[in-house]
């Protein structure tokens, strides 16, 4: 690399950057992870797209101003984060998600006699092979009674609508690929506790214990509302699972939220727990799912990015999305809406 006073990486060495960030008079024994992240953010501000990739060339005066502003921010970040969170240090996405959690001030509408919680899930799920694959549209509707040991109703429709991700429909049919066989089960199921397949599994309904993927009232009530305790529970549940630890924590939270049954206080706790995930990032400030806009929070691992999308004004969970990191191709997304309806099988107006 030729010498130039235009290039930030010719100004300070890595050690000098670390010493400059550590030499903040108001901070004693700064946390090493904070220094690492702050150093990364300083380099990004100075012109690099990321710490490993070379970025556009910047003038010294602009870079000096960036250093000054970052050092001021780092000083406050070190003090506030060390005091409030100890070993779990939130990033900017976590701070924004914590603010969103604070906006969940109401409880969910209670169910009256004979009423049901209606959960509508509109999903585009990936099906196929590496050569021929598409997103298949699925519509799922669930009616949940106040007494969850009573009968639930599930309707699932695979509409036949497709969005091709790899190849085309004409190419797939010409190659003999069974295009019309993808999409999954369709039909209507009715069962106590939403235990749809108890009969096929030769067991009594309601014997199945709730999980992150299929939560019931007992399971949701057992989860701590204190963010650090909930974060630790998520870490324990996801240990050894998924492509990366941070991504799998987000996946488990998305699994639970997708049910539409997570109460308001636990939604807030989930957001506060996610704020402690080191790799969480704001990936889209105006994400749109089915005409509803929210902020997307994501974690990337092994080539894919998993996101949840949250209404920043109300804290309502809108849905989730999965994209390929390399080219941004959407490889799956789901929107979730809930309402209270007067009877099983009845849809809300509109």
Protein backbone atom coordinates (compact mmCIF):
# COMPACT_ATOMS: atom_id res chain seq x y z
CA UNK A 1 0.00 0.00 0.00
CA UNK A 2 1.56 3.35 -0.97
CA UNK A 3 2.13 5.96 1.71
CA UNK A 4 -0.53 8.67 1.79
CA UNK A 5 -1.92 11.02 4.40
CA UNK A 6 -5.36 10.32 2.89
CA UNK A 7 -5.54 6.80 4.24
CA UNK A 8 -6.58 6.20 7.82
CA UNK A 9 -4.76 2.90 8.13
CA UNK A 10 -1.46 4.67 7.41
CA UNK A 11 -2.10 7.05 10.32
CA UNK A 12 -2.42 4.77 13.33
CA UNK A 13 -1.48 1.16 13.84
CA UNK A 14 -3.86 -1.33 15.42
CA UNK A 15 -2.08 -0.96 18.77
CA UNK A 16 -2.28 2.82 18.57
CA UNK A 17 -6.00 2.68 17.90
CA UNK A 18 -6.53 0.44 20.91
CA UNK A 19 -4.41 2.68 23.13
CA UNK A 20 -6.28 5.78 21.98
CA UNK A 21 -9.63 4.22 22.79
CA UNK A 22 -8.37 2.92 26.13
CA UNK A 23 -6.93 6.29 27.16
CA UNK A 24 -10.27 7.79 28.12
CA UNK A 25 -9.82 9.56 31.43
CA UNK A 26 -13.36 8.92 32.64
CA UNK A 27 -13.14 5.16 32.20
CA UNK A 28 -11.18 2.70 34.31
CA UNK A 29 -10.40 -0.78 33.03
CA UNK A 30 -12.62 -0.56 29.92
CA UNK A 31 -14.19 -3.79 28.79
CA UNK A 32 -12.12 -5.42 26.02
CA UNK A 33 -15.21 -6.28 23.95
CA UNK A 34 -16.34 -2.67 24.04
CA UNK A 35 -12.90 -1.55 22.84
CA UNK A 36 -12.99 -4.11 20.05
CA UNK A 37 -16.42 -3.06 18.84
CA UNK A 38 -15.66 0.65 19.24
CA UNK A 39 -12.42 0.26 17.30
CA UNK A 40 -14.37 -1.49 14.54
CA UNK A 41 -16.97 1.29 14.46
CA UNK A 42 -14.21 3.90 14.37
CA UNK A 43 -12.64 2.22 11.34
CA UNK A 44 -16.01 2.01 9.62
CA UNK A 45 -16.65 5.69 10.32
CA UNK A 46 -13.22 6.48 8.93
CA UNK A 47 -14.01 4.94 5.58
CA UNK A 48 -13.90 1.14 5.63
CA UNK A 49 -16.99 -0.84 4.68
CA UNK A 50 -15.86 -3.30 7.34
CA UNK A 51 -12.62 -3.81 9.32
CA UNK A 52 -11.28 -6.35 6.83
CA UNK A 53 -12.19 -4.59 3.56
CA UNK A 54 -10.50 -1.53 2.15
CA UNK A 55 -12.81 1.45 1.85
CA UNK A 56 -12.93 4.80 0.08
CA UNK A 57 -10.10 7.24 0.74
CA UNK A 58 -10.85 10.04 3.20
CA UNK A 59 -9.17 13.34 3.95
CA UNK A 60 -7.27 13.65 7.27
CA UNK A 61 -9.39 16.51 8.58
CA UNK A 62 -12.63 14.54 8.18
CA UNK A 63 -11.07 11.48 9.79
CA UNK A 64 -9.81 13.49 12.76
CA UNK A 65 -13.32 14.78 13.36
CA UNK A 66 -14.66 11.22 13.17
CA UNK A 67 -12.11 10.08 15.75
CA UNK A 68 -13.10 12.89 18.10
CA UNK A 69 -16.81 12.12 17.84
CA UNK A 70 -16.32 8.36 18.19
CA UNK A 71 -14.12 8.81 21.28
CA UNK A 72 -16.82 10.92 22.94
CA UNK A 73 -19.44 8.28 22.13
CA UNK A 74 -17.17 5.46 23.30
CA UNK A 75 -16.65 7.17 26.64
CA UNK A 76 -20.39 7.28 27.32
CA UNK A 77 -20.94 3.78 25.94
CA UNK A 78 -18.26 2.31 28.18
CA UNK A 79 -19.70 3.89 31.30
CA UNK A 80 -23.38 3.21 30.61
CA UNK A 81 -23.00 -0.30 29.26
CA UNK A 82 -20.61 -1.52 31.94
CA UNK A 83 -22.88 -0.27 34.70
CA UNK A 84 -26.21 -1.45 33.29
CA UNK A 85 -25.41 -4.75 31.66
CA UNK A 86 -22.21 -6.17 33.11
CA UNK A 87 -21.02 -8.95 30.83
CA UNK A 88 -23.79 -8.48 28.26
CA UNK A 89 -23.12 -5.34 26.24
CA UNK A 90 -25.84 -4.19 23.82
CA UNK A 91 -25.12 -2.68 20.42
CA UNK A 92 -27.12 0.07 18.73
CA UNK A 93 -29.72 -2.44 17.56
CA UNK A 94 -30.11 -3.72 21.09
CA UNK A 95 -30.55 -0.22 22.45
CA UNK A 96 -33.28 0.52 19.89
CA UNK A 97 -35.02 -2.78 20.65
CA UNK A 98 -34.95 -1.96 24.36
CA UNK A 99 -36.65 1.36 23.62
CA UNK A 100 -39.30 -0.51 21.62
CA UNK A 101 -39.86 -2.87 24.55
CA UNK A 102 -40.56 0.14 26.77
CA UNK A 103 -43.42 1.09 24.45
CA UNK A 104 -45.31 -2.12 25.18
CA UNK A 105 -47.43 -0.62 27.94
CA UNK A 106 -50.73 -2.43 27.46
CA UNK A 107 -51.87 -5.99 28.01
CA UNK A 108 -53.38 -8.10 25.27
CA UNK A 109 -57.14 -7.95 24.82
CA UNK A 110 -58.64 -10.62 27.09
CA UNK A 111 -61.03 -13.24 25.75
CA UNK A 112 -64.64 -13.09 26.83
CA UNK A 113 -67.02 -16.07 27.09
CA UNK A 114 -67.08 -18.00 23.83
CA UNK A 115 -64.42 -15.83 22.21
CA UNK A 116 -61.26 -17.05 20.48
CA UNK A 117 -57.81 -15.70 19.81
CA UNK A 118 -57.43 -15.63 16.03
CA UNK A 119 -53.90 -15.96 14.62
CA UNK A 120 -53.36 -15.47 10.88
CA UNK A 121 -50.02 -16.51 9.42
CA UNK A 122 -49.14 -15.58 5.85
CA UNK A 123 -45.96 -17.38 4.88
CA UNK A 124 -43.78 -17.81 1.85
CA UNK A 125 -41.66 -20.90 2.51
CA UNK A 126 -38.83 -22.27 0.41
CA UNK A 127 -39.30 -25.60 -1.33
CA UNK A 128 -37.28 -27.42 -3.97
CA UNK A 129 -33.63 -28.17 -4.70
CA UNK A 130 -30.51 -26.13 -5.34
CA UNK A 131 -31.30 -26.13 -9.06
CA UNK A 132 -35.05 -25.53 -8.90
CA UNK A 133 -36.56 -23.82 -5.89
CA UNK A 134 -39.37 -21.42 -5.17
CA UNK A 135 -41.25 -19.74 -2.36
CA UNK A 136 -44.68 -21.33 -1.89
CA UNK A 137 -47.48 -19.22 -0.43
CA UNK A 138 -49.11 -20.69 2.70
CA UNK A 139 -52.07 -19.31 4.62
CA UNK A 140 -52.59 -20.60 8.15
CA UNK A 141 -55.42 -19.60 10.46
CA UNK A 142 -55.68 -20.73 14.07
CA UNK A 143 -58.51 -20.21 16.55
CA UNK A 144 -57.42 -20.58 20.18
CA UNK A 145 -59.99 -20.76 23.03
CA UNK A 146 -59.62 -19.00 26.37
CA UNK A 147 -59.35 -22.43 27.99
CA UNK A 148 -56.57 -23.86 25.88
CA UNK A 149 -57.38 -27.42 26.92
CA UNK A 150 -60.52 -27.13 24.81
CA UNK A 151 -60.66 -27.57 21.04
CA UNK A 152 -58.56 -25.38 18.77
CA UNK A 153 -59.10 -25.07 15.02
CA UNK A 154 -56.38 -24.88 12.35
CA UNK A 155 -56.89 -24.22 8.66
CA UNK A 156 -53.98 -24.40 6.24
CA UNK A 157 -54.11 -23.56 2.55
CA UNK A 158 -51.27 -23.81 0.05
CA UNK A 159 -52.48 -21.32 -2.54
CA UNK A 160 -50.36 -22.48 -5.48
CA UNK A 161 -48.76 -19.06 -5.83
CA UNK A 162 -45.01 -19.29 -6.34
CA UNK A 163 -42.02 -16.97 -6.40
CA UNK A 164 -39.11 -18.65 -8.13
CA UNK A 165 -35.74 -18.35 -6.44
CA UNK A 166 -33.65 -20.74 -8.55
CA UNK A 167 -34.55 -21.62 -12.13
CA UNK A 168 -37.97 -21.05 -13.68
CA UNK A 169 -41.20 -23.01 -13.70
CA UNK A 170 -40.80 -23.79 -17.40
CA UNK A 171 -37.28 -25.10 -16.86
CA UNK A 172 -38.34 -27.18 -13.87
CA UNK A 173 -41.26 -28.78 -15.71
CA UNK A 174 -39.10 -29.49 -18.75
CA UNK A 175 -36.61 -31.25 -16.47
CA UNK A 176 -39.36 -33.36 -14.91
CA UNK A 177 -39.23 -31.66 -11.53
CA UNK A 178 -42.52 -32.25 -9.59
CA UNK A 179 -43.47 -28.58 -9.33
CA UNK A 180 -47.03 -29.22 -8.13
CA UNK A 181 -46.07 -31.49 -5.25
CA UNK A 182 -44.38 -28.86 -3.11
CA UNK A 183 -45.91 -26.65 -0.46
CA UNK A 184 -46.89 -29.01 2.36
CA UNK A 185 -50.08 -30.26 3.98
CA UNK A 186 -53.46 -28.64 3.43
CA UNK A 187 -56.67 -29.08 5.33
CA UNK A 188 -58.49 -28.42 8.57
CA UNK A 189 -57.66 -29.83 12.00
CA UNK A 190 -59.49 -29.60 15.31
CA UNK A 191 -57.97 -30.76 18.59
CA UNK A 192 -57.73 -29.94 22.30
CA UNK A 193 -54.62 -27.92 23.19
CA UNK A 194 -53.86 -27.50 19.49
CA UNK A 195 -52.33 -30.98 19.70
CA UNK A 196 -53.15 -31.74 16.08
CA UNK A 197 -51.39 -35.07 15.64
CA UNK A 198 -51.90 -36.79 18.98
CA UNK A 199 -54.03 -39.50 17.37
CA UNK A 200 -51.44 -40.25 14.67
CA UNK A 201 -48.79 -40.43 17.38
CA UNK A 202 -50.95 -42.79 19.47
CA UNK A 203 -51.13 -40.67 22.61
CA UNK A 204 -53.62 -38.63 24.56
CA UNK A 205 -54.08 -34.99 23.50
CA UNK A 206 -52.61 -32.30 25.74
CA UNK A 207 -49.88 -34.69 26.92
CA UNK A 208 -47.29 -32.89 24.82
CA UNK A 209 -45.25 -30.32 26.74
CA UNK A 210 -44.91 -26.81 25.36
CA UNK A 211 -41.68 -25.81 23.63
CA UNK A 212 -40.16 -22.72 22.06
CA UNK A 213 -41.56 -23.91 18.73
CA UNK A 214 -44.99 -24.93 20.04
CA UNK A 215 -45.53 -22.85 23.18
CA UNK A 216 -48.51 -23.33 25.45
CA UNK A 217 -49.69 -21.31 28.45
CA UNK A 218 -47.67 -23.33 30.94
CA UNK A 219 -44.46 -23.02 28.94
CA UNK A 220 -44.88 -19.27 28.38
CA UNK A 221 -45.68 -18.71 32.05
CA UNK A 222 -42.48 -20.57 33.03
CA UNK A 223 -40.21 -18.19 31.12
CA UNK A 224 -38.57 -15.46 33.21
CA UNK A 225 -39.48 -11.85 32.50
CA UNK A 226 -36.14 -10.53 33.74
CA UNK A 227 -34.06 -9.98 30.56
CA UNK A 228 -30.76 -11.48 31.71
CA UNK A 229 -32.47 -14.59 33.10
CA UNK A 230 -34.45 -15.01 29.87
CA UNK A 231 -31.28 -14.51 27.83
CA UNK A 232 -29.53 -17.22 29.89
CA UNK A 233 -32.51 -19.54 29.37
CA UNK A 234 -32.30 -18.98 25.62
CA UNK A 235 -28.57 -19.62 25.62
CA UNK A 236 -29.06 -22.88 27.48
CA UNK A 237 -31.87 -24.01 25.16
CA UNK A 238 -29.91 -23.24 21.99
CA UNK A 239 -26.50 -24.54 23.08
CA UNK A 240 -24.98 -26.57 20.26
CA UNK A 241 -27.86 -25.80 17.90
CA UNK A 242 -27.92 -23.92 14.60
CA UNK A 243 -25.15 -22.33 12.52
CA UNK A 244 -24.11 -19.78 15.17
CA UNK A 245 -25.12 -19.27 18.82
CA UNK A 246 -26.43 -15.72 18.31
CA UNK A 247 -28.44 -16.63 15.22
CA UNK A 248 -30.07 -19.57 16.97
CA UNK A 249 -31.18 -17.38 19.88
CA UNK A 250 -32.98 -15.15 17.39
CA UNK A 251 -34.52 -18.18 15.66
CA UNK A 252 -35.92 -19.50 18.96
CA UNK A 253 -37.43 -16.11 19.81
CA UNK A 254 -38.96 -15.91 16.33
CA UNK A 255 -40.38 -19.42 16.74
CA UNK A 256 -42.18 -18.41 19.91
CA UNK A 257 -43.40 -15.05 18.60
CA UNK A 258 -44.72 -16.67 15.42
CA UNK A 259 -47.27 -18.57 17.49
CA UNK A 260 -49.16 -15.33 18.12
CA UNK A 261 -49.69 -16.42 21.72
CA UNK A 262 -46.83 -14.63 23.49
CA UNK A 263 -48.35 -12.15 26.00
CA UNK A 264 -47.33 -8.50 25.99
CA UNK A 265 -45.08 -8.66 29.05
CA UNK A 266 -43.14 -11.60 27.61
CA UNK A 267 -42.81 -9.92 24.21
CA UNK A 268 -41.17 -6.99 25.98
CA UNK A 269 -38.89 -9.39 27.88
CA UNK A 270 -37.94 -11.13 24.63
CA UNK A 271 -36.94 -7.82 23.06
CA UNK A 272 -34.87 -6.87 26.10
CA UNK A 273 -33.19 -10.28 26.05
CA UNK A 274 -32.42 -9.97 22.34
CA UNK A 275 -30.84 -6.59 23.09
CA UNK A 276 -28.07 -8.57 24.83
CA UNK A 277 -27.20 -10.60 21.70
CA UNK A 278 -23.79 -9.29 20.55
CA UNK A 279 -24.31 -9.87 16.81
CA UNK A 280 -27.80 -8.36 16.61
CA UNK A 281 -28.03 -5.58 14.02
CA UNK A 282 -30.68 -3.27 12.60
CA UNK A 283 -30.83 -4.62 9.05
CA UNK A 284 -33.74 -2.57 7.68
CA UNK A 285 -35.36 0.46 9.28
CA UNK A 286 -38.41 0.33 7.00
CA UNK A 287 -39.13 -3.35 6.37
CA UNK A 288 -42.50 -4.11 4.78
CA UNK A 289 -44.41 -7.35 5.25
CA UNK A 290 -47.92 -7.52 3.78
CA UNK A 291 -48.20 -3.74 3.88
CA UNK A 292 -47.17 -3.44 7.53
CA UNK A 293 -43.96 -1.56 8.20
CA UNK A 294 -41.50 -2.14 11.00
CA UNK A 295 -37.85 -2.30 11.94
CA UNK A 296 -35.93 -5.45 11.05
CA UNK A 297 -33.43 -6.85 13.56
CA UNK A 298 -31.16 -9.55 12.24
CA UNK A 299 -28.27 -11.91 12.87
CA UNK A 300 -26.14 -13.37 10.08
CA UNK A 301 -24.55 -16.80 10.10
CA UNK A 302 -23.18 -19.21 7.49
CA UNK A 303 -24.46 -17.23 4.53
CA UNK A 304 -27.99 -16.43 5.68
CA UNK A 305 -29.54 -13.63 7.67
CA UNK A 306 -32.47 -14.27 10.01
CA UNK A 307 -34.60 -11.26 10.95
CA UNK A 308 -37.59 -10.40 13.08
CA UNK A 309 -39.65 -7.35 12.16
CA UNK A 310 -41.19 -5.25 14.93
CA UNK A 311 -43.45 -2.21 14.90
CA UNK A 312 -41.25 0.40 16.63
CA UNK A 313 -44.24 2.42 17.83
CA UNK A 314 -46.16 -0.39 19.54
CA UNK A 315 -43.70 -3.26 19.93
CA UNK A 316 -46.06 -5.54 18.00
CA UNK A 317 -44.35 -8.48 16.30
CA UNK A 318 -45.04 -8.20 12.55
CA UNK A 319 -43.16 -11.21 11.25
CA UNK A 320 -39.83 -12.66 10.21
CA UNK A 321 -37.66 -12.91 7.14
CA UNK A 322 -34.69 -14.97 5.95
CA UNK A 323 -32.35 -13.77 3.22
CA UNK A 324 -29.20 -14.97 1.51
CA UNK A 325 -26.29 -12.84 2.68
CA UNK A 326 -24.40 -12.89 -0.62
CA UNK A 327 -27.03 -11.36 -2.91
CA UNK A 328 -29.88 -10.43 -0.58
CA UNK A 329 -32.31 -12.95 -2.10
CA UNK A 330 -35.30 -13.49 0.18
CA UNK A 331 -35.58 -17.22 0.89
CA UNK A 332 -38.54 -17.11 3.24
CA UNK A 333 -40.77 -14.71 5.14
CA UNK A 334 -43.79 -14.84 7.40
CA UNK A 335 -46.23 -12.22 8.65
CA UNK A 336 -48.39 -12.74 11.73
CA UNK A 337 -51.55 -10.91 12.77
CA UNK A 338 -53.83 -11.55 15.75
CA UNK A 339 -57.35 -10.56 16.75
CA UNK A 340 -60.18 -11.55 19.08
CA UNK A 341 -63.20 -13.11 17.34
CA UNK A 342 -66.63 -14.13 18.68
CA UNK A 343 -66.55 -17.80 17.66
CA UNK A 344 -64.45 -20.59 16.23
CA UNK A 345 -64.09 -20.33 12.47
CA UNK A 346 -65.03 -16.65 12.35
CA UNK A 347 -62.55 -14.24 10.81
CA UNK A 348 -62.10 -10.66 12.00
CA UNK A 349 -63.65 -7.96 9.79
CA UNK A 350 -61.53 -6.60 6.97
